[in-house]
N, C-alpha and C. Protein backbone atom coordinates (compact mmCIF):
# COMPACT_ATOMS: atom_id res chain seq x y z
N MET A 1 -4.16 35.72 -5.06
CA MET A 1 -4.26 34.33 -5.49
C MET A 1 -5.62 34.09 -6.16
N PRO A 2 -5.67 33.51 -7.36
CA PRO A 2 -6.95 33.28 -8.03
C PRO A 2 -7.81 32.31 -7.27
N ARG A 3 -9.10 32.54 -7.33
CA ARG A 3 -10.04 31.66 -6.64
C ARG A 3 -10.18 30.35 -7.41
N TYR A 4 -10.46 29.32 -6.65
CA TYR A 4 -10.64 27.99 -7.26
C TYR A 4 -11.91 27.96 -8.09
N ASN A 5 -11.86 27.38 -9.27
CA ASN A 5 -13.01 27.23 -10.15
C ASN A 5 -13.33 25.75 -10.28
N ARG A 6 -14.43 25.31 -9.68
CA ARG A 6 -14.79 23.88 -9.69
C ARG A 6 -14.98 23.33 -11.10
N ARG A 7 -15.32 24.20 -12.05
CA ARG A 7 -15.54 23.72 -13.41
C ARG A 7 -14.23 23.42 -14.14
N MET A 8 -13.11 23.90 -13.62
CA MET A 8 -11.84 23.76 -14.33
C MET A 8 -10.96 22.65 -13.77
N ALA A 9 -11.27 22.20 -12.56
CA ALA A 9 -10.38 21.22 -11.93
C ALA A 9 -11.11 19.93 -11.62
N HIS A 10 -10.42 18.83 -11.76
CA HIS A 10 -10.97 17.53 -11.43
C HIS A 10 -9.93 16.79 -10.59
N ALA A 11 -10.36 16.27 -9.46
CA ALA A 11 -9.43 15.57 -8.58
C ALA A 11 -8.96 14.29 -9.25
N PRO A 12 -7.69 13.95 -9.13
CA PRO A 12 -7.17 12.71 -9.71
C PRO A 12 -7.82 11.49 -9.06
N THR A 13 -7.84 10.41 -9.79
CA THR A 13 -8.32 9.14 -9.24
C THR A 13 -7.14 8.26 -8.85
N ARG A 14 -5.98 8.89 -8.64
CA ARG A 14 -4.78 8.20 -8.18
C ARG A 14 -4.25 8.89 -6.92
N ILE A 15 -3.90 8.11 -5.93
CA ILE A 15 -3.44 8.63 -4.63
C ILE A 15 -1.95 8.40 -4.47
N ASN A 16 -1.26 9.44 -4.02
CA ASN A 16 0.14 9.33 -3.60
C ASN A 16 0.11 9.34 -2.07
N LEU A 17 0.18 8.17 -1.48
CA LEU A 17 -0.01 8.01 -0.04
C LEU A 17 1.31 8.26 0.70
N GLY A 18 1.24 9.06 1.76
CA GLY A 18 2.44 9.42 2.49
C GLY A 18 3.37 10.23 1.61
N SER A 19 2.81 11.21 0.92
CA SER A 19 3.53 11.93 -0.13
C SER A 19 4.78 12.63 0.38
N GLY A 20 4.73 13.24 1.57
CA GLY A 20 5.90 13.92 2.12
C GLY A 20 6.48 14.89 1.11
N LYS A 21 7.80 14.85 0.93
CA LYS A 21 8.46 15.74 -0.03
C LYS A 21 8.35 15.25 -1.46
N ASP A 22 7.79 14.04 -1.66
CA ASP A 22 7.61 13.48 -3.01
C ASP A 22 6.24 13.88 -3.55
N PHE A 23 5.97 15.17 -3.61
CA PHE A 23 4.68 15.69 -4.08
C PHE A 23 4.58 15.46 -5.58
N ARG A 24 3.46 14.88 -6.02
CA ARG A 24 3.26 14.57 -7.43
C ARG A 24 2.01 15.28 -7.92
N THR A 25 2.18 16.17 -8.89
CA THR A 25 1.06 17.01 -9.33
C THR A 25 -0.06 16.21 -9.97
N GLU A 26 0.27 15.05 -10.57
CA GLU A 26 -0.76 14.27 -11.25
C GLU A 26 -1.51 13.33 -10.32
N TYR A 27 -1.15 13.33 -9.03
CA TYR A 27 -1.80 12.49 -8.03
C TYR A 27 -2.50 13.35 -6.98
N LEU A 28 -3.39 12.72 -6.24
CA LEU A 28 -3.94 13.32 -5.03
C LEU A 28 -3.00 12.95 -3.90
N ASN A 29 -2.30 13.93 -3.37
CA ASN A 29 -1.26 13.69 -2.37
C ASN A 29 -1.86 13.70 -0.97
N ILE A 30 -1.69 12.59 -0.24
CA ILE A 30 -2.24 12.44 1.10
C ILE A 30 -1.10 12.12 2.06
N ASP A 31 -1.07 12.85 3.18
CA ASP A 31 -0.03 12.61 4.17
C ASP A 31 -0.62 12.87 5.56
N ILE A 32 -0.02 12.24 6.57
CA ILE A 32 -0.47 12.41 7.95
C ILE A 32 -0.04 13.76 8.50
N SER A 33 0.97 14.37 7.87
CA SER A 33 1.52 15.64 8.33
C SER A 33 1.31 16.72 7.27
N GLY A 34 1.13 17.95 7.73
CA GLY A 34 0.97 19.07 6.81
C GLY A 34 2.29 19.75 6.46
N GLU A 35 3.41 19.20 6.93
CA GLU A 35 4.71 19.85 6.76
C GLU A 35 5.04 20.13 5.31
N TRP A 36 4.71 19.18 4.42
CA TRP A 36 5.05 19.34 3.01
C TRP A 36 3.85 19.76 2.17
N SER A 37 2.82 20.28 2.82
CA SER A 37 1.62 20.81 2.15
C SER A 37 0.98 19.82 1.19
N PRO A 38 0.56 18.66 1.68
CA PRO A 38 -0.14 17.70 0.81
C PRO A 38 -1.52 18.25 0.44
N ASP A 39 -2.15 17.62 -0.53
CA ASP A 39 -3.52 18.02 -0.87
C ASP A 39 -4.47 17.76 0.30
N ILE A 40 -4.26 16.62 0.98
CA ILE A 40 -5.14 16.22 2.07
C ILE A 40 -4.29 15.71 3.23
N ILE A 41 -4.63 16.15 4.43
CA ILE A 41 -4.00 15.62 5.64
C ILE A 41 -4.94 14.57 6.23
N ALA A 42 -4.48 13.34 6.28
CA ALA A 42 -5.31 12.24 6.78
C ALA A 42 -4.42 11.10 7.24
N ASP A 43 -4.93 10.31 8.16
CA ASP A 43 -4.19 9.16 8.70
C ASP A 43 -4.78 7.88 8.12
N ILE A 44 -4.08 7.28 7.17
CA ILE A 44 -4.55 6.05 6.53
C ILE A 44 -4.48 4.87 7.49
N GLY A 45 -3.76 5.04 8.60
CA GLY A 45 -3.64 3.98 9.58
C GLY A 45 -4.81 3.91 10.55
N LYS A 46 -5.82 4.73 10.34
CA LYS A 46 -7.05 4.68 11.12
C LYS A 46 -8.21 4.43 10.18
N LEU A 47 -9.17 3.66 10.62
CA LEU A 47 -10.26 3.24 9.74
C LEU A 47 -11.01 4.44 9.18
N LEU A 48 -11.11 4.50 7.86
CA LEU A 48 -11.79 5.60 7.19
C LEU A 48 -13.26 5.28 6.98
N PRO A 49 -14.13 6.29 7.02
CA PRO A 49 -15.54 6.05 6.72
C PRO A 49 -15.72 5.75 5.24
N PRO A 50 -16.86 5.20 4.84
CA PRO A 50 -17.09 4.90 3.42
C PRO A 50 -16.97 6.11 2.51
N SER A 51 -17.26 7.29 3.05
CA SER A 51 -17.15 8.51 2.26
C SER A 51 -16.81 9.67 3.18
N GLN A 52 -15.86 10.49 2.76
CA GLN A 52 -15.45 11.65 3.54
C GLN A 52 -15.01 12.73 2.59
N THR A 53 -15.43 13.98 2.84
CA THR A 53 -15.11 15.09 1.95
C THR A 53 -14.07 16.00 2.59
N PHE A 54 -13.06 16.35 1.79
CA PHE A 54 -11.99 17.25 2.23
C PHE A 54 -11.95 18.46 1.30
N THR A 55 -11.61 19.61 1.86
CA THR A 55 -11.41 20.81 1.06
C THR A 55 -9.94 20.95 0.74
N THR A 56 -9.61 21.00 -0.54
CA THR A 56 -8.23 21.06 -0.98
C THR A 56 -7.95 22.37 -1.70
N ARG A 57 -6.68 22.76 -1.71
CA ARG A 57 -6.27 23.99 -2.39
C ARG A 57 -6.34 23.84 -3.91
N ARG A 58 -5.96 22.66 -4.41
CA ARG A 58 -5.88 22.49 -5.86
C ARG A 58 -7.20 22.08 -6.51
N PHE A 59 -8.04 21.34 -5.77
CA PHE A 59 -9.21 20.72 -6.39
C PHE A 59 -10.54 21.09 -5.73
N GLY A 60 -10.51 21.98 -4.75
CA GLY A 60 -11.74 22.30 -4.04
C GLY A 60 -12.16 21.12 -3.18
N GLU A 61 -13.44 20.84 -3.11
CA GLU A 61 -13.93 19.73 -2.31
C GLU A 61 -13.69 18.40 -3.02
N VAL A 62 -13.07 17.47 -2.30
CA VAL A 62 -12.73 16.16 -2.86
C VAL A 62 -13.32 15.08 -1.97
N GLU A 63 -14.01 14.14 -2.58
CA GLU A 63 -14.57 13.03 -1.83
C GLU A 63 -13.59 11.86 -1.83
N ILE A 64 -13.25 11.39 -0.64
CA ILE A 64 -12.46 10.18 -0.49
C ILE A 64 -13.45 9.08 -0.15
N ALA A 65 -13.71 8.20 -1.11
CA ALA A 65 -14.79 7.23 -0.97
C ALA A 65 -14.35 5.85 -1.41
N HIS A 66 -15.06 4.85 -0.91
CA HIS A 66 -14.79 3.47 -1.29
C HIS A 66 -14.99 3.29 -2.80
N ASP A 67 -14.19 2.41 -3.38
CA ASP A 67 -14.33 2.00 -4.79
C ASP A 67 -14.18 3.16 -5.77
N ARG A 68 -13.40 4.17 -5.41
CA ARG A 68 -13.30 5.35 -6.26
C ARG A 68 -11.99 5.45 -7.01
N PHE A 69 -10.90 4.87 -6.52
CA PHE A 69 -9.57 5.20 -7.03
C PHE A 69 -8.99 4.08 -7.90
N ASP A 70 -8.26 4.49 -8.93
CA ASP A 70 -7.64 3.55 -9.86
C ASP A 70 -6.30 3.03 -9.36
N GLU A 71 -5.60 3.86 -8.58
CA GLU A 71 -4.26 3.50 -8.15
C GLU A 71 -3.94 4.18 -6.83
N ILE A 72 -3.20 3.49 -5.99
CA ILE A 72 -2.57 4.07 -4.80
C ILE A 72 -1.10 3.72 -4.85
N ILE A 73 -0.24 4.71 -4.69
CA ILE A 73 1.18 4.42 -4.54
C ILE A 73 1.61 4.74 -3.11
N ALA A 74 2.48 3.91 -2.58
CA ALA A 74 3.00 4.10 -1.23
C ALA A 74 4.48 3.76 -1.26
N ASN A 75 5.31 4.77 -1.46
CA ASN A 75 6.75 4.56 -1.57
C ASN A 75 7.42 4.88 -0.23
N ASP A 76 7.99 3.84 0.39
CA ASP A 76 8.67 4.00 1.68
C ASP A 76 7.75 4.62 2.73
N VAL A 77 6.54 4.05 2.81
CA VAL A 77 5.51 4.57 3.72
C VAL A 77 5.03 3.51 4.71
N LEU A 78 4.76 2.31 4.23
CA LEU A 78 4.09 1.30 5.06
C LEU A 78 4.91 0.91 6.28
N GLU A 79 6.22 1.03 6.19
CA GLU A 79 7.07 0.67 7.33
C GLU A 79 6.91 1.63 8.51
N HIS A 80 6.24 2.76 8.29
CA HIS A 80 6.07 3.77 9.34
C HIS A 80 4.70 3.69 10.03
N ILE A 81 3.77 2.92 9.48
CA ILE A 81 2.38 2.95 9.95
C ILE A 81 2.16 1.95 11.09
N PRO A 82 1.72 2.41 12.27
CA PRO A 82 1.52 1.49 13.41
C PRO A 82 0.52 0.37 13.11
N ASP A 83 -0.64 0.71 12.57
CA ASP A 83 -1.66 -0.29 12.29
C ASP A 83 -1.68 -0.58 10.80
N LEU A 84 -0.82 -1.48 10.37
CA LEU A 84 -0.69 -1.77 8.94
C LEU A 84 -1.92 -2.47 8.40
N VAL A 85 -2.53 -3.35 9.18
CA VAL A 85 -3.74 -4.04 8.71
C VAL A 85 -4.84 -3.03 8.39
N CYS A 86 -4.99 -2.03 9.25
CA CYS A 86 -5.99 -1.00 9.01
C CYS A 86 -5.66 -0.23 7.73
N ALA A 87 -4.40 0.11 7.54
CA ALA A 87 -3.98 0.84 6.34
C ALA A 87 -4.25 0.02 5.07
N MET A 88 -3.95 -1.28 5.11
CA MET A 88 -4.19 -2.13 3.95
C MET A 88 -5.68 -2.30 3.69
N THR A 89 -6.47 -2.37 4.77
CA THR A 89 -7.92 -2.47 4.63
C THR A 89 -8.48 -1.20 4.00
N ASN A 90 -7.99 -0.04 4.42
CA ASN A 90 -8.40 1.22 3.81
C ASN A 90 -8.03 1.25 2.33
N GLY A 91 -6.80 0.81 2.02
CA GLY A 91 -6.38 0.79 0.63
C GLY A 91 -7.26 -0.08 -0.24
N LEU A 92 -7.60 -1.26 0.28
CA LEU A 92 -8.49 -2.17 -0.45
C LEU A 92 -9.84 -1.52 -0.69
N ALA A 93 -10.37 -0.85 0.33
CA ALA A 93 -11.69 -0.24 0.21
C ALA A 93 -11.70 0.93 -0.77
N LEU A 94 -10.66 1.74 -0.77
CA LEU A 94 -10.63 2.94 -1.61
C LEU A 94 -10.46 2.61 -3.09
N LEU A 95 -9.77 1.53 -3.39
CA LEU A 95 -9.54 1.16 -4.78
C LEU A 95 -10.80 0.58 -5.42
N ARG A 96 -10.99 0.89 -6.68
CA ARG A 96 -12.04 0.22 -7.44
C ARG A 96 -11.58 -1.20 -7.73
N GLU A 97 -12.49 -2.06 -8.11
CA GLU A 97 -12.11 -3.42 -8.50
C GLU A 97 -11.19 -3.35 -9.72
N GLY A 98 -10.05 -4.01 -9.63
CA GLY A 98 -9.05 -3.92 -10.68
C GLY A 98 -8.03 -2.83 -10.45
N GLY A 99 -8.24 -2.01 -9.41
CA GLY A 99 -7.29 -0.96 -9.08
C GLY A 99 -6.00 -1.53 -8.50
N MET A 100 -4.93 -0.75 -8.59
CA MET A 100 -3.61 -1.23 -8.21
C MET A 100 -3.07 -0.47 -7.00
N PHE A 101 -2.48 -1.23 -6.08
CA PHE A 101 -1.78 -0.69 -4.93
C PHE A 101 -0.29 -0.94 -5.19
N ASN A 102 0.44 0.11 -5.56
CA ASN A 102 1.85 0.00 -5.92
C ASN A 102 2.71 0.46 -4.74
N ILE A 103 3.59 -0.42 -4.28
CA ILE A 103 4.27 -0.26 -2.99
C ILE A 103 5.77 -0.45 -3.15
N ILE A 104 6.53 0.38 -2.45
CA ILE A 104 7.97 0.16 -2.27
C ILE A 104 8.25 0.16 -0.78
N VAL A 105 8.93 -0.88 -0.29
CA VAL A 105 9.23 -1.02 1.14
C VAL A 105 10.66 -1.54 1.31
N PRO A 106 11.27 -1.32 2.48
CA PRO A 106 12.61 -1.86 2.72
C PRO A 106 12.57 -3.37 2.91
N TYR A 107 13.57 -4.05 2.38
CA TYR A 107 13.67 -5.49 2.55
C TYR A 107 14.22 -5.78 3.95
N ASP A 108 13.77 -6.88 4.56
CA ASP A 108 14.04 -7.08 5.99
C ASP A 108 15.50 -7.33 6.34
N LEU A 109 16.33 -7.74 5.38
CA LEU A 109 17.75 -8.00 5.67
C LEU A 109 18.65 -6.85 5.22
N SER A 110 18.06 -5.74 4.84
CA SER A 110 18.84 -4.61 4.35
C SER A 110 19.27 -3.70 5.49
N TYR A 111 20.27 -2.88 5.22
CA TYR A 111 20.65 -1.84 6.17
C TYR A 111 19.48 -0.87 6.38
N GLY A 112 18.81 -0.51 5.29
CA GLY A 112 17.75 0.48 5.35
C GLY A 112 16.54 0.07 6.18
N ALA A 113 16.40 -1.22 6.40
CA ALA A 113 15.23 -1.69 7.16
C ALA A 113 15.21 -1.11 8.57
N TRP A 114 16.37 -1.05 9.20
CA TRP A 114 16.40 -0.69 10.62
C TRP A 114 17.32 0.48 10.94
N GLN A 115 17.93 1.11 9.97
CA GLN A 115 18.76 2.28 10.28
C GLN A 115 17.90 3.49 10.65
N ASP A 116 16.67 3.53 10.16
CA ASP A 116 15.75 4.63 10.45
C ASP A 116 15.00 4.31 11.74
N PRO A 117 15.13 5.12 12.79
CA PRO A 117 14.46 4.83 14.06
C PRO A 117 12.95 4.96 14.01
N THR A 118 12.42 5.56 12.93
CA THR A 118 10.96 5.67 12.82
C THR A 118 10.34 4.46 12.11
N HIS A 119 11.16 3.53 11.64
CA HIS A 119 10.62 2.32 11.03
C HIS A 119 10.06 1.40 12.11
N LEU A 120 8.88 0.88 11.86
CA LEU A 120 8.22 -0.03 12.80
C LEU A 120 8.30 -1.48 12.36
N ARG A 121 8.64 -1.71 11.09
CA ARG A 121 8.71 -3.07 10.56
C ARG A 121 9.51 -3.07 9.27
N ALA A 122 9.87 -4.24 8.83
CA ALA A 122 10.46 -4.43 7.50
C ALA A 122 9.67 -5.53 6.80
N PHE A 123 10.00 -5.79 5.55
CA PHE A 123 9.18 -6.68 4.74
C PHE A 123 10.05 -7.69 3.99
N ASN A 124 9.43 -8.82 3.67
CA ASN A 124 10.04 -9.78 2.76
C ASN A 124 8.96 -10.30 1.82
N GLU A 125 9.33 -11.27 1.00
CA GLU A 125 8.40 -11.73 -0.04
C GLU A 125 7.15 -12.41 0.51
N ARG A 126 7.14 -12.79 1.78
CA ARG A 126 5.96 -13.42 2.38
C ARG A 126 5.09 -12.44 3.19
N SER A 127 5.46 -11.17 3.16
CA SER A 127 4.74 -10.18 3.95
C SER A 127 3.36 -9.85 3.40
N TRP A 128 3.01 -10.37 2.22
CA TRP A 128 1.75 -10.00 1.58
C TRP A 128 0.70 -11.09 1.66
N LEU A 129 1.04 -12.23 2.27
CA LEU A 129 0.13 -13.38 2.28
C LEU A 129 -1.22 -13.09 2.91
N TYR A 130 -1.23 -12.30 3.98
CA TYR A 130 -2.49 -12.04 4.68
C TYR A 130 -3.41 -11.13 3.87
N TYR A 131 -2.88 -10.42 2.91
CA TYR A 131 -3.68 -9.52 2.09
C TYR A 131 -4.08 -10.18 0.77
N THR A 132 -3.55 -11.39 0.53
CA THR A 132 -3.86 -12.11 -0.70
C THR A 132 -4.51 -13.45 -0.36
N ASP A 133 -3.70 -14.49 -0.21
CA ASP A 133 -4.23 -15.84 0.01
C ASP A 133 -4.92 -16.02 1.36
N TRP A 134 -4.45 -15.31 2.38
CA TRP A 134 -4.99 -15.48 3.73
C TRP A 134 -5.91 -14.33 4.13
N PHE A 135 -6.60 -13.76 3.16
CA PHE A 135 -7.52 -12.64 3.38
C PHE A 135 -8.57 -12.95 4.44
N TRP A 136 -8.94 -14.23 4.54
CA TRP A 136 -9.98 -14.66 5.48
C TRP A 136 -9.60 -14.37 6.92
N TYR A 137 -8.30 -14.37 7.21
CA TYR A 137 -7.85 -14.10 8.58
C TYR A 137 -8.16 -12.66 8.97
N LEU A 138 -8.22 -11.77 8.00
CA LEU A 138 -8.53 -10.36 8.25
C LEU A 138 -10.03 -10.08 8.12
N ASN A 139 -10.80 -11.13 7.82
CA ASN A 139 -12.25 -11.02 7.67
C ASN A 139 -12.64 -10.09 6.52
N TRP A 140 -11.84 -10.09 5.47
CA TRP A 140 -12.22 -9.35 4.26
C TRP A 140 -13.29 -10.16 3.55
N GLN A 141 -14.45 -9.58 3.35
CA GLN A 141 -15.63 -10.35 2.95
C GLN A 141 -16.04 -10.20 1.50
N THR A 142 -15.50 -9.22 0.78
CA THR A 142 -15.92 -9.02 -0.60
C THR A 142 -14.76 -9.02 -1.60
N HIS A 143 -13.61 -8.53 -1.17
CA HIS A 143 -12.47 -8.40 -2.06
C HIS A 143 -11.18 -8.75 -1.34
N ARG A 144 -10.16 -8.97 -2.13
CA ARG A 144 -8.81 -9.19 -1.60
C ARG A 144 -7.82 -8.70 -2.65
N PHE A 145 -6.54 -8.85 -2.35
CA PHE A 145 -5.51 -8.50 -3.31
C PHE A 145 -4.90 -9.75 -3.94
N VAL A 146 -4.32 -9.57 -5.10
CA VAL A 146 -3.49 -10.58 -5.73
C VAL A 146 -2.20 -9.91 -6.16
N VAL A 147 -1.08 -10.58 -5.97
CA VAL A 147 0.22 -10.01 -6.34
C VAL A 147 0.38 -10.06 -7.86
N LYS A 148 0.59 -8.90 -8.46
CA LYS A 148 0.81 -8.83 -9.91
C LYS A 148 2.28 -8.58 -10.25
N LEU A 149 3.03 -8.06 -9.28
CA LEU A 149 4.45 -7.78 -9.51
C LEU A 149 5.19 -7.88 -8.18
N LEU A 150 6.34 -8.53 -8.20
CA LEU A 150 7.21 -8.60 -7.03
C LEU A 150 8.64 -8.50 -7.53
N GLU A 151 9.28 -7.35 -7.29
CA GLU A 151 10.63 -7.11 -7.76
C GLU A 151 11.53 -6.71 -6.59
N PHE A 152 12.81 -7.03 -6.72
CA PHE A 152 13.77 -6.73 -5.66
C PHE A 152 14.84 -5.79 -6.19
N ASN A 153 15.16 -4.79 -5.38
CA ASN A 153 16.21 -3.84 -5.72
C ASN A 153 17.49 -4.25 -5.01
N PRO A 154 18.43 -4.82 -5.72
CA PRO A 154 19.64 -5.34 -5.06
C PRO A 154 20.60 -4.22 -4.65
N SER A 155 21.37 -4.48 -3.63
CA SER A 155 22.48 -3.59 -3.26
C SER A 155 23.66 -3.91 -4.17
N ALA A 156 24.78 -3.22 -3.93
CA ALA A 156 25.99 -3.53 -4.71
C ALA A 156 26.40 -4.98 -4.51
N LEU A 157 26.23 -5.48 -3.28
CA LEU A 157 26.53 -6.89 -3.01
C LEU A 157 25.61 -7.80 -3.81
N GLY A 158 24.33 -7.47 -3.84
CA GLY A 158 23.38 -8.28 -4.58
C GLY A 158 23.67 -8.29 -6.07
N VAL A 159 24.09 -7.15 -6.60
CA VAL A 159 24.44 -7.06 -8.02
C VAL A 159 25.64 -7.97 -8.31
N GLU A 160 26.63 -7.95 -7.42
CA GLU A 160 27.81 -8.79 -7.60
C GLU A 160 27.45 -10.27 -7.56
N MET A 161 26.57 -10.62 -6.62
CA MET A 161 26.16 -12.02 -6.51
C MET A 161 25.40 -12.47 -7.75
N THR A 162 24.54 -11.59 -8.27
CA THR A 162 23.77 -11.93 -9.47
C THR A 162 24.68 -12.11 -10.68
N LYS A 163 25.64 -11.19 -10.81
CA LYS A 163 26.59 -11.29 -11.93
C LYS A 163 27.42 -12.56 -11.84
N ALA A 164 27.65 -13.04 -10.60
CA ALA A 164 28.44 -14.26 -10.40
C ALA A 164 27.61 -15.52 -10.62
N GLY A 165 26.33 -15.34 -10.96
CA GLY A 165 25.47 -16.48 -11.26
C GLY A 165 24.76 -17.07 -10.06
N GLN A 166 24.75 -16.36 -8.92
CA GLN A 166 24.04 -16.87 -7.74
C GLN A 166 22.53 -16.83 -7.97
N LYS A 167 21.83 -17.85 -7.51
CA LYS A 167 20.38 -17.91 -7.67
C LYS A 167 19.70 -16.88 -6.76
N ILE A 168 18.52 -16.46 -7.18
CA ILE A 168 17.80 -15.41 -6.46
C ILE A 168 17.48 -15.82 -5.03
N ASP A 169 17.19 -17.10 -4.79
CA ASP A 169 16.89 -17.55 -3.43
C ASP A 169 18.06 -17.28 -2.49
N LEU A 170 19.28 -17.50 -2.97
CA LEU A 170 20.46 -17.24 -2.16
C LEU A 170 20.66 -15.74 -1.95
N VAL A 171 20.44 -14.97 -2.99
CA VAL A 171 20.57 -13.51 -2.87
C VAL A 171 19.60 -12.97 -1.83
N LEU A 172 18.36 -13.45 -1.87
CA LEU A 172 17.33 -12.94 -0.96
C LEU A 172 17.63 -13.25 0.50
N ARG A 173 18.26 -14.37 0.77
CA ARG A 173 18.53 -14.72 2.16
C ARG A 173 19.93 -14.32 2.63
N THR A 174 20.61 -13.53 1.80
CA THR A 174 21.92 -13.02 2.17
C THR A 174 21.78 -11.60 2.74
N PRO A 175 22.18 -11.38 3.99
CA PRO A 175 22.06 -10.04 4.57
C PRO A 175 22.77 -8.99 3.72
N ARG A 176 22.12 -7.85 3.57
CA ARG A 176 22.62 -6.66 2.86
C ARG A 176 22.70 -6.84 1.34
N ALA A 177 22.13 -7.90 0.81
CA ALA A 177 22.18 -8.12 -0.64
C ALA A 177 21.00 -7.48 -1.37
N VAL A 178 19.91 -7.22 -0.67
CA VAL A 178 18.73 -6.60 -1.27
C VAL A 178 18.35 -5.39 -0.43
N ASP A 179 18.16 -4.25 -1.08
CA ASP A 179 17.82 -3.01 -0.37
C ASP A 179 16.32 -2.85 -0.16
N SER A 180 15.55 -3.08 -1.21
CA SER A 180 14.11 -2.81 -1.12
C SER A 180 13.34 -3.74 -2.04
N MET A 181 12.02 -3.66 -1.91
CA MET A 181 11.13 -4.54 -2.65
C MET A 181 10.00 -3.70 -3.25
N LYS A 182 9.69 -3.97 -4.50
CA LYS A 182 8.59 -3.31 -5.18
C LYS A 182 7.46 -4.31 -5.40
N VAL A 183 6.27 -3.95 -4.98
CA VAL A 183 5.13 -4.85 -5.03
C VAL A 183 3.94 -4.15 -5.69
N ALA A 184 3.25 -4.85 -6.55
CA ALA A 184 2.01 -4.34 -7.13
C ALA A 184 0.89 -5.31 -6.78
N LEU A 185 -0.11 -4.81 -6.06
CA LEU A 185 -1.26 -5.60 -5.65
C LEU A 185 -2.50 -5.13 -6.39
N GLU A 186 -3.23 -6.07 -6.97
CA GLU A 186 -4.47 -5.74 -7.67
C GLU A 186 -5.67 -6.15 -6.82
N LYS A 187 -6.67 -5.28 -6.74
CA LYS A 187 -7.89 -5.59 -6.01
C LYS A 187 -8.80 -6.46 -6.87
N ILE A 188 -9.19 -7.61 -6.34
CA ILE A 188 -10.09 -8.50 -7.06
C ILE A 188 -11.25 -8.90 -6.16
N ALA A 189 -12.37 -9.28 -6.78
CA ALA A 189 -13.52 -9.77 -6.02
C ALA A 189 -13.26 -11.19 -5.55
N LEU A 190 -13.82 -11.53 -4.39
CA LEU A 190 -13.68 -12.89 -3.90
C LEU A 190 -14.42 -13.85 -4.82
N SER A 191 -13.77 -14.95 -5.13
CA SER A 191 -14.42 -16.01 -5.91
C SER A 191 -15.32 -16.83 -5.00
N GLU A 192 -16.10 -17.72 -5.59
CA GLU A 192 -16.94 -18.60 -4.77
C GLU A 192 -16.08 -19.48 -3.87
N LYS A 193 -14.94 -19.91 -4.38
CA LYS A 193 -14.02 -20.70 -3.56
C LYS A 193 -13.48 -19.87 -2.40
N ASP A 194 -13.17 -18.60 -2.66
CA ASP A 194 -12.71 -17.70 -1.60
C ASP A 194 -13.78 -17.54 -0.53
N LYS A 195 -15.01 -17.37 -0.95
CA LYS A 195 -16.10 -17.16 -0.01
C LYS A 195 -16.33 -18.41 0.85
N GLU A 196 -16.17 -19.58 0.25
CA GLU A 196 -16.31 -20.82 1.00
C GLU A 196 -15.18 -20.94 2.03
N THR A 197 -13.97 -20.55 1.64
CA THR A 197 -12.85 -20.55 2.58
C THR A 197 -13.13 -19.61 3.75
N LEU A 198 -13.68 -18.44 3.45
CA LEU A 198 -14.02 -17.48 4.50
C LEU A 198 -15.08 -18.03 5.43
N ARG A 199 -16.11 -18.65 4.87
CA ARG A 199 -17.18 -19.23 5.71
C ARG A 199 -16.62 -20.33 6.60
N SER A 200 -15.75 -21.16 6.07
CA SER A 200 -15.17 -22.25 6.85
C SER A 200 -14.33 -21.71 7.99
N PHE A 201 -13.55 -20.67 7.73
CA PHE A 201 -12.72 -20.08 8.77
C PHE A 201 -13.58 -19.47 9.87
N ARG A 202 -14.64 -18.75 9.48
CA ARG A 202 -15.50 -18.10 10.47
C ARG A 202 -16.24 -19.16 11.31
N ALA A 203 -16.66 -20.23 10.65
CA ALA A 203 -17.35 -21.31 11.39
C ALA A 203 -16.40 -21.97 12.40
N ALA A 204 -15.16 -22.21 11.97
CA ALA A 204 -14.18 -22.82 12.88
C ALA A 204 -13.86 -21.89 14.04
N ARG A 205 -13.76 -20.62 13.78
CA ARG A 205 -13.45 -19.66 14.84
C ARG A 205 -14.60 -19.53 15.82
N ASN A 206 -15.83 -19.56 15.31
CA ASN A 206 -17.00 -19.45 16.19
C ASN A 206 -17.24 -20.68 17.04
N SER A 207 -16.72 -21.83 16.58
CA SER A 207 -16.92 -23.07 17.34
C SER A 207 -15.94 -23.21 18.50
N ASN A 208 -14.90 -22.38 18.49
CA ASN A 208 -13.89 -22.46 19.56
C ASN A 208 -14.33 -21.65 20.80
């Protein structure tokens, strides 16, 4: 096997989180298990240090650091993570400002949400509020997310309902009509209004 040459390889600035069997050569593949030979074995559900170096087969030594990555994708991953707040906090920290967290998760009224015994949760369109508008509840002090894309993958039933002219609100609240949800979150800096909201929340909490 040829030896790694640091001058020839550069680690991607995009992460495929929970890569499993969906290994992507153009991404840095990170998984909690080594079964599918990811680039890095790490648990995103535990708080990561500001900087950590891993030795990889494809890229040699790779630094996983705050504000370094342009994109994180997590396809059918977040529903498996026990500490989702920690995972989302890590994602926010690892992305550069303007970086995107692209997510696919099961919709809460779908068959797929609960047929898998390893699923710990399901999601709906309001599952992102604490990472966007209600960031203050998580004590995020410098950045938060904003939703840039929210799309729904309908089941055969959902397709039939849509073709029949049913409104999306009805489709979303109909069991088995939506299989999954695609979400794109952008990392943005807190505005002055955001910071004032955070200060007010912390003051109210400290007074109790």
